[in-house]
Amino acid sequence: MLDFTWKVFSETGSVEMYLLYKEIEQGRSYPPFEQEQQLADPDFPVAGVTN
């Protein structure tokens, strides 16, 4: 998960992904269900993605 969040951050510059990366790195990550819910939210911001 740490590699994934860094990859998304490095490709998009998303501040939210950087903060998530730092939380995971420090061992204070979201509970798995809460993280899945956040990522599944259709309004979850992902910079640089076009339809």
N, C-alpha and C. Protein backbone atom coordinates (compact mmCIF):
# COMPACT_ATOMS: atom_id res chain seq x y z
N MET A 1 0.82 -1.19 0.00
CA MET A 1 0.00 0.00 0.00
C MET A 1 0.87 1.26 0.00
N LEU A 2 1.99 1.19 0.68
CA LEU A 2 2.89 2.33 0.74
C LEU A 2 3.41 2.69 -0.65
N ASP A 3 3.80 1.68 -1.42
CA ASP A 3 4.28 1.93 -2.79
C ASP A 3 3.19 2.51 -3.67
N PHE A 4 1.96 2.01 -3.51
CA PHE A 4 0.84 2.50 -4.31
C PHE A 4 0.57 3.97 -4.03
N THR A 5 0.51 4.35 -2.74
CA THR A 5 0.22 5.74 -2.42
C THR A 5 1.32 6.67 -2.91
N TRP A 6 2.58 6.22 -2.83
CA TRP A 6 3.67 7.06 -3.34
C TRP A 6 3.58 7.20 -4.86
N LYS A 7 3.27 6.11 -5.54
CA LYS A 7 3.16 6.16 -7.00
C LYS A 7 2.04 7.13 -7.43
N VAL A 8 0.88 7.03 -6.78
CA VAL A 8 -0.22 7.94 -7.12
C VAL A 8 0.17 9.38 -6.82
N PHE A 9 0.79 9.61 -5.66
CA PHE A 9 1.22 10.97 -5.32
C PHE A 9 2.22 11.50 -6.35
N SER A 10 3.22 10.68 -6.70
CA SER A 10 4.26 11.17 -7.61
C SER A 10 3.72 11.44 -9.01
N GLU A 11 2.67 10.73 -9.40
CA GLU A 11 2.09 10.96 -10.72
C GLU A 11 1.07 12.09 -10.74
N THR A 12 0.41 12.35 -9.60
CA THR A 12 -0.67 13.33 -9.58
C THR A 12 -0.37 14.58 -8.79
N GLY A 13 0.55 14.48 -7.82
CA GLY A 13 0.82 15.61 -6.95
C GLY A 13 -0.28 15.83 -5.92
N SER A 14 -1.12 14.83 -5.71
CA SER A 14 -2.25 14.93 -4.78
C SER A 14 -1.76 15.06 -3.34
N VAL A 15 -2.13 16.16 -2.70
CA VAL A 15 -1.75 16.38 -1.31
C VAL A 15 -2.36 15.31 -0.41
N GLU A 16 -3.60 14.91 -0.71
CA GLU A 16 -4.27 13.88 0.09
C GLU A 16 -3.49 12.56 0.04
N MET A 17 -2.98 12.20 -1.12
CA MET A 17 -2.22 10.96 -1.24
C MET A 17 -0.89 11.06 -0.51
N TYR A 18 -0.27 12.23 -0.52
CA TYR A 18 0.98 12.41 0.23
C TYR A 18 0.72 12.26 1.73
N LEU A 19 -0.36 12.87 2.21
CA LEU A 19 -0.67 12.77 3.64
C LEU A 19 -1.01 11.33 4.01
N LEU A 20 -1.72 10.63 3.14
CA LEU A 20 -2.01 9.21 3.39
C LEU A 20 -0.71 8.41 3.42
N TYR A 21 0.18 8.69 2.50
CA TYR A 21 1.49 8.02 2.46
C TYR A 21 2.23 8.22 3.78
N LYS A 22 2.26 9.46 4.28
CA LYS A 22 2.97 9.74 5.52
C LYS A 22 2.31 9.03 6.70
N GLU A 23 0.99 8.97 6.72
CA GLU A 23 0.30 8.27 7.81
C GLU A 23 0.62 6.78 7.79
N ILE A 24 0.62 6.19 6.63
CA ILE A 24 0.94 4.76 6.51
C ILE A 24 2.39 4.53 6.91
N GLU A 25 3.26 5.39 6.44
CA GLU A 25 4.69 5.27 6.75
C GLU A 25 4.95 5.32 8.25
N GLN A 26 4.19 6.13 8.95
CA GLN A 26 4.37 6.28 10.39
C GLN A 26 3.53 5.29 11.19
N GLY A 27 2.82 4.41 10.50
CA GLY A 27 2.04 3.39 11.18
C GLY A 27 0.72 3.86 11.73
N ARG A 28 0.24 5.02 11.26
CA ARG A 28 -1.04 5.54 11.74
C ARG A 28 -2.04 5.58 10.60
N SER A 29 -2.15 4.50 9.87
CA SER A 29 -3.04 4.48 8.72
C SER A 29 -4.49 4.33 9.15
N TYR A 30 -5.37 4.62 8.21
CA TYR A 30 -6.80 4.44 8.43
C TYR A 30 -7.10 2.96 8.62
N PRO A 31 -8.16 2.64 9.35
CA PRO A 31 -8.61 1.25 9.37
C PRO A 31 -8.94 0.82 7.93
N PRO A 32 -8.70 -0.43 7.57
CA PRO A 32 -8.89 -0.85 6.17
C PRO A 32 -10.26 -0.51 5.60
N PHE A 33 -11.33 -0.70 6.36
CA PHE A 33 -12.66 -0.42 5.84
C PHE A 33 -12.82 1.06 5.53
N GLU A 34 -12.38 1.92 6.43
CA GLU A 34 -12.51 3.36 6.22
C GLU A 34 -11.71 3.80 4.99
N GLN A 35 -10.53 3.24 4.80
CA GLN A 35 -9.70 3.58 3.64
C GLN A 35 -10.38 3.13 2.36
N GLU A 36 -10.95 1.92 2.36
CA GLU A 36 -11.66 1.43 1.18
C GLU A 36 -12.84 2.32 0.85
N GLN A 37 -13.56 2.74 1.87
CA GLN A 37 -14.71 3.61 1.65
C GLN A 37 -14.27 4.94 1.04
N GLN A 38 -13.17 5.50 1.53
CA GLN A 38 -12.68 6.77 1.01
C GLN A 38 -12.26 6.62 -0.45
N LEU A 39 -11.53 5.56 -0.77
CA LEU A 39 -11.07 5.37 -2.14
C LEU A 39 -12.21 5.03 -3.08
N ALA A 40 -13.28 4.40 -2.56
CA ALA A 40 -14.43 4.03 -3.39
C ALA A 40 -15.37 5.20 -3.62
N ASP A 41 -15.22 6.27 -2.85
CA ASP A 41 -16.08 7.44 -2.98
C ASP A 41 -15.88 8.06 -4.37
N PRO A 42 -16.98 8.19 -5.14
CA PRO A 42 -16.82 8.75 -6.50
C PRO A 42 -16.32 10.20 -6.50
N ASP A 43 -16.42 10.89 -5.37
CA ASP A 43 -15.94 12.27 -5.29
C ASP A 43 -14.52 12.36 -4.76
N PHE A 44 -13.84 11.21 -4.56
CA PHE A 44 -12.47 11.20 -4.07
C PHE A 44 -11.60 11.90 -5.11
N PRO A 45 -10.91 12.98 -4.70
CA PRO A 45 -10.15 13.76 -5.68
C PRO A 45 -8.88 13.04 -6.16
N VAL A 46 -8.76 12.94 -7.46
CA VAL A 46 -7.55 12.39 -8.07
C VAL A 46 -7.14 13.38 -9.14
N ALA A 47 -6.07 14.09 -8.89
CA ALA A 47 -5.61 15.12 -9.82
C ALA A 47 -5.00 14.50 -11.07
N GLY A 48 -5.20 15.15 -12.18
CA GLY A 48 -4.55 14.74 -13.42
C GLY A 48 -5.24 13.61 -14.16
N VAL A 49 -6.42 13.20 -13.72
CA VAL A 49 -7.14 12.12 -14.41
C VAL A 49 -8.17 12.74 -15.32
N THR A 50 -8.18 12.30 -16.57
CA THR A 50 -9.16 12.79 -17.52
C THR A 50 -10.02 11.65 -18.00
N ASN A 51 -11.24 11.97 -18.35
CA ASN A 51 -12.18 10.94 -18.84
C ASN A 51 -12.07 10.76 -20.32
